[in-house]
């Protein structure tokens, strides 16, 4: 009986090894997905939303090219949008078919909230708490 169980265990182990090799070769998905887009217009910034970067599992390898000096930064989308402020930027997103799209966004100019000016307190006479002037 032990001999039969040993043979069955050996066969199961061989099948599992074969399945493991298959998962890393012909059953594996593509090891690289490439998507490209270009930006037109005068926007000095481009924002790629986090949902776009995380559309496919795994690590993202991003290549940015442009005329002149190019600077890339990484951060939460809301923080990057706040950093860009009221400057026009290109939003790069993924459409329903999985292709990258780009469109120039003109943020609404916000008026800053005025800083309140402190007013003197009632009864202030220019003396300190001890009564000395």
C-alpha atoms as a PDB file:
ATOM      1  CA  UNK A   1       0.000   0.000   0.000  1.00  0.00           C
ATOM      2  CA  UNK A   2       2.835   2.403   0.794  1.00  0.00           C
ATOM      3  CA  UNK A   3       4.335   1.750  -2.601  1.00  0.00           C
ATOM      4  CA  UNK A   4       1.072   2.728  -4.362  1.00  0.00           C
ATOM      5  CA  UNK A   5       0.820   5.960  -2.327  1.00  0.00           C
ATOM      6  CA  UNK A   6       4.452   6.773  -3.111  1.00  0.00           C
ATOM      7  CA  UNK A   7       3.830   6.350  -6.840  1.00  0.00           C
ATOM      8  CA  UNK A   8       0.646   8.471  -6.670  1.00  0.00           C
ATOM      9  CA  UNK A   9       2.512  11.198  -4.760  1.00  0.00           C
ATOM     10  CA  UNK A  10       5.316  11.112  -7.331  1.00  0.00           C
ATOM     11  CA  UNK A  11       2.822  11.474 -10.211  1.00  0.00           C
ATOM     12  CA  UNK A  12       1.056  14.399  -8.483  1.00  0.00           C
ATOM     13  CA  UNK A  13       4.427  16.084  -7.847  1.00  0.00           C
ATOM     14  CA  UNK A  14       5.436  15.631 -11.496  1.00  0.00           C
ATOM     15  CA  UNK A  15       2.117  17.150 -12.639  1.00  0.00           C
ATOM     16  CA  UNK A  16       2.578  20.116 -10.292  1.00  0.00           C
ATOM     17  CA  UNK A  17       6.109  20.708 -11.585  1.00  0.00           C
ATOM     18  CA  UNK A  18       4.801  20.586 -15.159  1.00  0.00           C
ATOM     19  CA  UNK A  19       2.000  23.026 -14.313  1.00  0.00           C
ATOM     20  CA  UNK A  20       4.482  25.393 -12.634  1.00  0.00           C
ATOM     21  CA  UNK A  21       6.714  25.384 -15.714  1.00  0.00           C
ATOM     22  CA  UNK A  22       3.675  25.941 -17.951  1.00  0.00           C
ATOM     23  CA  UNK A  23       2.546  28.925 -15.863  1.00  0.00           C
ATOM     24  CA  UNK A  24       5.899  30.609 -16.377  1.00  0.00           C
ATOM     25  CA  UNK A  25       6.113  29.870 -20.116  1.00  0.00           C
ATOM     26  CA  UNK A  26       3.210  29.404 -22.516  1.00  0.00           C
ATOM     27  CA  UNK A  27       0.353  29.896 -20.003  1.00  0.00           C
ATOM     28  CA  UNK A  28       1.790  33.198 -18.769  1.00  0.00           C
ATOM     29  CA  UNK A  29       0.292  36.459 -19.982  1.00  0.00           C
ATOM     30  CA  UNK A  30       2.295  39.073 -21.831  1.00  0.00           C
ATOM     31  CA  UNK A  31       5.349  40.238 -19.922  1.00  0.00           C
ATOM     32  CA  UNK A  32       5.085  43.743 -21.391  1.00  0.00           C
ATOM     33  CA  UNK A  33       2.183  45.943 -22.397  1.00  0.00           C
ATOM     34  CA  UNK A  34       3.079  49.061 -24.348  1.00  0.00           C
ATOM     35  CA  UNK A  35       0.847  52.096 -24.679  1.00  0.00           C
ATOM     36  CA  UNK A  36       1.865  55.430 -26.172  1.00  0.00           C
ATOM     37  CA  UNK A  37       0.306  58.824 -26.637  1.00  0.00           C
ATOM     38  CA  UNK A  38       1.443  62.266 -27.669  1.00  0.00           C
ATOM     39  CA  UNK A  39       0.460  65.685 -26.484  1.00  0.00           C
ATOM     40  CA  UNK A  40      -0.361  68.663 -28.641  1.00  0.00           C
ATOM     41  CA  UNK A  41      -0.753  72.210 -27.475  1.00  0.00           C
ATOM     42  CA  UNK A  42       1.156  74.545 -25.233  1.00  0.00           C
ATOM     43  CA  UNK A  43       0.570  72.794 -21.906  1.00  0.00           C
ATOM     44  CA  UNK A  44       3.820  72.651 -19.971  1.00  0.00           C
ATOM     45  CA  UNK A  45       2.664  69.796 -17.732  1.00  0.00           C
ATOM     46  CA  UNK A  46       1.224  66.331 -18.252  1.00  0.00           C
ATOM     47  CA  UNK A  47      -0.615  64.425 -15.520  1.00  0.00           C
ATOM     48  CA  UNK A  48      -1.076  60.667 -15.709  1.00  0.00           C
ATOM     49  CA  UNK A  49      -3.812  59.556 -13.331  1.00  0.00           C
ATOM     50  CA  UNK A  50      -3.021  56.759 -10.871  1.00  0.00           C
ATOM     51  CA  UNK A  51      -5.885  54.659 -12.270  1.00  0.00           C
ATOM     52  CA  UNK A  52      -4.177  54.750 -15.650  1.00  0.00           C
ATOM     53  CA  UNK A  53      -0.855  53.610 -14.206  1.00  0.00           C
ATOM     54  CA  UNK A  54      -2.544  50.793 -12.266  1.00  0.00           C
ATOM     55  CA  UNK A  55      -4.717  49.598 -15.163  1.00  0.00           C
ATOM     56  CA  UNK A  56      -2.496  46.541 -15.607  1.00  0.00           C
ATOM     57  CA  UNK A  57      -0.975  44.582 -12.714  1.00  0.00           C
ATOM     58  CA  UNK A  58       2.758  44.579 -12.175  1.00  0.00           C
ATOM     59  CA  UNK A  59       5.426  47.226 -12.361  1.00  0.00           C
ATOM     60  CA  UNK A  60       5.037  50.269 -14.576  1.00  0.00           C
ATOM     61  CA  UNK A  61       7.911  51.479 -16.720  1.00  0.00           C
ATOM     62  CA  UNK A  62       7.189  55.019 -17.853  1.00  0.00           C
ATOM     63  CA  UNK A  63       9.161  56.810 -20.570  1.00  0.00           C
ATOM     64  CA  UNK A  64       8.727  60.570 -20.988  1.00  0.00           C
ATOM     65  CA  UNK A  65      10.143  62.403 -23.998  1.00  0.00           C
ATOM     66  CA  UNK A  66       9.891  66.013 -25.040  1.00  0.00           C
ATOM     67  CA  UNK A  67      11.623  68.943 -26.653  1.00  0.00           C
ATOM     68  CA  UNK A  68      14.275  70.451 -24.408  1.00  0.00           C
ATOM     69  CA  UNK A  69      14.672  69.575 -20.757  1.00  0.00           C
ATOM     70  CA  UNK A  70      12.102  67.125 -19.360  1.00  0.00           C
ATOM     71  CA  UNK A  71      11.248  66.766 -15.671  1.00  0.00           C
ATOM     72  CA  UNK A  72       9.094  63.969 -14.226  1.00  0.00           C
ATOM     73  CA  UNK A  73       7.651  63.744 -10.721  1.00  0.00           C
ATOM     74  CA  UNK A  74       5.508  61.140  -9.001  1.00  0.00           C
ATOM     75  CA  UNK A  75       2.778  61.774  -6.451  1.00  0.00           C
ATOM     76  CA  UNK A  76      -0.917  61.418  -5.680  1.00  0.00           C
ATOM     77  CA  UNK A  77      -3.046  62.892  -8.462  1.00  0.00           C
ATOM     78  CA  UNK A  78      -4.715  65.471  -6.208  1.00  0.00           C
ATOM     79  CA  UNK A  79      -1.337  66.683  -4.945  1.00  0.00           C
ATOM     80  CA  UNK A  80       0.048  66.986  -8.472  1.00  0.00           C
ATOM     81  CA  UNK A  81      -3.070  68.877  -9.632  1.00  0.00           C
ATOM     82  CA  UNK A  82      -2.672  71.247  -6.671  1.00  0.00           C
ATOM     83  CA  UNK A  83       0.999  71.752  -7.534  1.00  0.00           C
ATOM     84  CA  UNK A  84       0.143  72.557 -11.163  1.00  0.00           C
ATOM     85  CA  UNK A  85      -2.473  75.039  -9.927  1.00  0.00           C
ATOM     86  CA  UNK A  86      -4.169  77.143 -12.574  1.00  0.00           C
ATOM     87  CA  UNK A  87      -1.633  76.328 -15.314  1.00  0.00           C
ATOM     88  CA  UNK A  88      -2.932  74.366 -18.307  1.00  0.00           C
ATOM     89  CA  UNK A  89      -1.897  70.717 -18.368  1.00  0.00           C
ATOM     90  CA  UNK A  90      -2.390  67.612 -20.470  1.00  0.00           C
ATOM     91  CA  UNK A  91      -4.421  64.858 -18.804  1.00  0.00           C
ATOM     92  CA  UNK A  92      -3.364  61.388 -19.925  1.00  0.00           C
ATOM     93  CA  UNK A  93      -5.960  58.692 -19.277  1.00  0.00           C
ATOM     94  CA  UNK A  94      -7.053  55.316 -20.591  1.00  0.00           C
ATOM     95  CA  UNK A  95     -10.269  55.041 -22.609  1.00  0.00           C
ATOM     96  CA  UNK A  96     -12.774  52.151 -22.601  1.00  0.00           C
ATOM     97  CA  UNK A  97     -10.798  50.214 -25.232  1.00  0.00           C
ATOM     98  CA  UNK A  98      -7.562  50.426 -23.223  1.00  0.00           C
ATOM     99  CA  UNK A  99      -5.833  53.039 -25.394  1.00  0.00           C
ATOM    100  CA  UNK A 100      -4.164  56.109 -23.938  1.00  0.00           C
ATOM    101  CA  UNK A 101      -5.778  59.444 -24.662  1.00  0.00           C
ATOM    102  CA  UNK A 102      -4.542  62.943 -23.974  1.00  0.00           C
ATOM    103  CA  UNK A 103      -6.454  66.183 -23.699  1.00  0.00           C
ATOM    104  CA  UNK A 104      -5.436  69.665 -22.646  1.00  0.00           C
ATOM    105  CA  UNK A 105      -7.183  70.850 -19.478  1.00  0.00           C
ATOM    106  CA  UNK A 106      -7.598  74.528 -18.620  1.00  0.00           C
ATOM    107  CA  UNK A 107      -8.208  74.649 -14.843  1.00  0.00           C
ATOM    108  CA  UNK A 108     -10.538  77.310 -13.549  1.00  0.00           C
ATOM    109  CA  UNK A 109      -8.674  80.216 -12.033  1.00  0.00           C
ATOM    110  CA  UNK A 110      -9.435  80.388  -8.352  1.00  0.00           C
ATOM    111  CA  UNK A 111      -9.452  83.612  -6.422  1.00  0.00           C
ATOM    112  CA  UNK A 112      -7.486  83.370  -3.218  1.00  0.00           C
ATOM    113  CA  UNK A 113      -9.363  83.747   0.026  1.00  0.00           C
ATOM    114  CA  UNK A 114      -8.389  87.061   1.604  1.00  0.00           C
ATOM    115  CA  UNK A 115      -6.477  86.804   4.834  1.00  0.00           C
ATOM    116  CA  UNK A 116      -8.374  88.462   7.680  1.00  0.00           C
ATOM    117  CA  UNK A 117      -6.643  91.405   9.354  1.00  0.00           C
ATOM    118  CA  UNK A 118      -6.520  91.197  13.121  1.00  0.00           C
ATOM    119  CA  UNK A 119      -8.462  93.953  14.846  1.00  0.00           C
ATOM    120  CA  UNK A 120      -7.468  95.465  18.184  1.00  0.00           C
ATOM    121  CA  UNK A 121      -9.242  94.016  21.178  1.00  0.00           C
ATOM    122  CA  UNK A 122     -11.814  96.116  22.996  1.00  0.00           C
ATOM    123  CA  UNK A 123     -10.364  98.178  25.810  1.00  0.00           C
ATOM    124  CA  UNK A 124      -6.766  97.910  24.670  1.00  0.00           C
ATOM    125  CA  UNK A 125      -4.935 100.863  26.145  1.00  0.00           C
ATOM    126  CA  UNK A 126      -1.364 100.000  25.347  1.00  0.00           C
ATOM    127  CA  UNK A 127      -0.523  98.757  28.850  1.00  0.00           C
ATOM    128  CA  UNK A 128       0.440  95.247  29.793  1.00  0.00           C
ATOM    129  CA  UNK A 129      -1.288  93.085  32.377  1.00  0.00           C
ATOM    130  CA  UNK A 130       0.719  94.556  35.284  1.00  0.00           C
ATOM    131  CA  UNK A 131      -0.473  98.051  34.550  1.00  0.00           C
ATOM    132  CA  UNK A 132       2.965  99.392  33.620  1.00  0.00           C
ATOM    133  CA  UNK A 133       3.153 101.434  30.444  1.00  0.00           C
END
